[in-house]
C-alpha atoms as a PDB file:
ATOM      1  CA  MET A   1       6.337 -17.164  12.266  1.00  0.00           C
ATOM      2  CA  SER A   2       9.365 -17.331  14.506  1.00  0.00           C
ATOM      3  CA  ILE A   3      11.843 -14.480  14.798  1.00  0.00           C
ATOM      4  CA  LEU A   4      14.456 -16.572  12.984  1.00  0.00           C
ATOM      5  CA  ALA A   5      12.057 -17.280  10.100  1.00  0.00           C
ATOM      6  CA  ALA A   6      11.219 -13.573   9.864  1.00  0.00           C
ATOM      7  CA  GLU A   7      14.918 -12.676   9.758  1.00  0.00           C
ATOM      8  CA  ILE A   8      15.546 -15.223   7.003  1.00  0.00           C
ATOM      9  CA  ALA A   9      12.610 -13.895   4.986  1.00  0.00           C
ATOM     10  CA  VAL A  10      13.944 -10.347   5.250  1.00  0.00           C
ATOM     11  CA  GLU A  11      17.468 -11.405   4.298  1.00  0.00           C
ATOM     12  CA  THR A  12      16.300 -13.288   1.188  1.00  0.00           C
ATOM     13  CA  ALA A  13      14.180 -10.393  -0.089  1.00  0.00           C
ATOM     14  CA  THR A  14      15.854  -7.910  -2.394  1.00  0.00           C
ATOM     15  CA  GLU A  15      16.117  -4.325  -1.226  1.00  0.00           C
ATOM     16  CA  THR A  16      13.980  -3.096  -4.128  1.00  0.00           C
ATOM     17  CA  GLU A  17      10.978  -5.118  -2.978  1.00  0.00           C
ATOM     18  CA  MET A  18       8.454  -2.978  -1.158  1.00  0.00           C
ATOM     19  CA  LEU A  19       4.935  -1.709  -1.398  1.00  0.00           C
ATOM     20  CA  SER A  20       4.811   1.719  -2.973  1.00  0.00           C
ATOM     21  CA  VAL A  21       1.667   3.832  -3.375  1.00  0.00           C
ATOM     22  CA  GLU A  22       2.206   6.899  -5.538  1.00  0.00           C
ATOM     23  CA  ASN A  23      -0.252   9.793  -5.786  1.00  0.00           C
ATOM     24  CA  VAL A  24      -3.342   7.533  -5.693  1.00  0.00           C
ATOM     25  CA  SER A  25      -6.845   8.948  -6.018  1.00  0.00           C
ATOM     26  CA  LEU A  26     -10.040   6.913  -5.741  1.00  0.00           C
ATOM     27  CA  TYR A  27     -13.686   7.815  -6.238  1.00  0.00           C
ATOM     28  CA  TYR A  28     -16.929   6.103  -5.315  1.00  0.00           C
ATOM     29  CA  GLY A  29     -19.201   7.680  -7.911  1.00  0.00           C
ATOM     30  CA  ALA A  30     -18.851  11.452  -7.453  1.00  0.00           C
ATOM     31  CA  ALA A  31     -17.453  11.126  -3.904  1.00  0.00           C
ATOM     32  CA  GLN A  32     -13.676  11.292  -3.640  1.00  0.00           C
ATOM     33  CA  ALA A  33     -12.381   8.809  -1.056  1.00  0.00           C
ATOM     34  CA  LEU A  34      -8.620   9.261  -1.626  1.00  0.00           C
ATOM     35  CA  ARG A  35      -6.753  12.255  -3.029  1.00  0.00           C
ATOM     36  CA  GLY A  36      -3.052  12.081  -3.863  1.00  0.00           C
ATOM     37  CA  VAL A  37      -2.135   9.402  -1.311  1.00  0.00           C
ATOM     38  CA  SER A  38       1.512   8.276  -1.338  1.00  0.00           C
ATOM     39  CA  LEU A  39       3.372   5.896   0.960  1.00  0.00           C
ATOM     40  CA  GLN A  40       6.155   3.324   0.999  1.00  0.00           C
ATOM     41  CA  ALA A  41       6.302   0.177   3.111  1.00  0.00           C
ATOM     42  CA  PRO A  42       9.898  -1.130   2.898  1.00  0.00           C
ATOM     43  CA  VAL A  43      10.777  -4.795   3.346  1.00  0.00           C
ATOM     44  CA  GLY A  44      11.834  -5.606   6.885  1.00  0.00           C
ATOM     45  CA  GLU A  45      10.040  -2.685   8.471  1.00  0.00           C
ATOM     46  CA  VAL A  46       6.676  -2.482  10.158  1.00  0.00           C
ATOM     47  CA  SER A  47       4.273   0.001   8.580  1.00  0.00           C
ATOM     48  CA  ALA A  48       0.851   1.095   9.766  1.00  0.00           C
ATOM     49  CA  VAL A  49      -2.030   3.087   8.336  1.00  0.00           C
ATOM     50  CA  MET A  50      -3.774   5.037  11.085  1.00  0.00           C
ATOM     51  CA  GLY A  51      -6.423   7.712  11.144  1.00  0.00           C
ATOM     52  CA  ARG A  52      -9.833   8.735  12.365  1.00  0.00           C
ATOM     53  CA  ASN A  53     -13.096   7.285  11.096  1.00  0.00           C
ATOM     54  CA  GLY A  54     -13.832   8.186   7.492  1.00  0.00           C
ATOM     55  CA  THR A  55     -10.287   9.183   6.517  1.00  0.00           C
ATOM     56  CA  GLY A  56      -9.849   6.528   3.810  1.00  0.00           C
ATOM     57  CA  LYS A  57      -8.002   3.653   5.516  1.00  0.00           C
ATOM     58  CA  THR A  58     -10.352   0.982   4.163  1.00  0.00           C
ATOM     59  CA  SER A  59     -10.496   2.654   0.753  1.00  0.00           C
ATOM     60  CA  LEU A  60      -6.690   2.597   0.620  1.00  0.00           C
ATOM     61  CA  MET A  61      -6.624  -1.115   1.465  1.00  0.00           C
ATOM     62  CA  ARG A  62      -9.287  -1.769  -1.187  1.00  0.00           C
ATOM     63  CA  ALA A  63      -7.192   0.119  -3.738  1.00  0.00           C
ATOM     64  CA  ILE A  64      -4.021  -1.802  -2.815  1.00  0.00           C
ATOM     65  CA  THR A  65      -5.778  -5.174  -3.047  1.00  0.00           C
ATOM     66  CA  GLY A  66      -7.529  -4.280  -6.306  1.00  0.00           C
ATOM     67  CA  ARG A  67     -11.038  -4.378  -4.871  1.00  0.00           C
ATOM     68  CA  ALA A  68     -11.596  -0.707  -5.781  1.00  0.00           C
ATOM     69  CA  PRO A  69     -10.223   0.761  -9.035  1.00  0.00           C
ATOM     70  CA  ILE A  70      -8.044   3.848  -8.658  1.00  0.00           C
ATOM     71  CA  SER A  71      -8.681   6.879 -10.841  1.00  0.00           C
ATOM     72  CA  SER A  72      -5.068   8.093 -10.849  1.00  0.00           C
ATOM     73  CA  GLY A  73      -1.631   7.229  -9.513  1.00  0.00           C
ATOM     74  CA  ARG A  74      -0.051   3.810  -9.270  1.00  0.00           C
ATOM     75  CA  ILE A  75       0.562   0.999  -6.809  1.00  0.00           C
ATOM     76  CA  LEU A  76       3.740  -1.082  -7.022  1.00  0.00           C
ATOM     77  CA  LEU A  77       4.799  -4.265  -5.272  1.00  0.00           C
ATOM     78  CA  GLY A  78       8.524  -4.359  -5.889  1.00  0.00           C
ATOM     79  CA  SER A  79       8.768  -3.451  -9.556  1.00  0.00           C
ATOM     80  CA  SER A  80       5.377  -4.962 -10.476  1.00  0.00           C
ATOM     81  CA  ASP A  81       2.527  -2.557 -11.121  1.00  0.00           C
ATOM     82  CA  LEU A  82      -0.589  -3.703  -9.299  1.00  0.00           C
END
């Protein structure tokens, strides 16, 4: 994607559109992988999830994409509940 295309995409998106993770917890059986995770990734900004091995980065991505069911909290894309 060119810089111009990226700028156009950002300009056409509404300001309310963003990824929002609110107080998400996730378990694999009895093992808790995520506890109370919250973050926002606003449109037009670069966001990153970083951490050491075993801190829940992959579990968070699985929760966001729906590959792992969350036990509490919510995940929003814009105003749509994922």
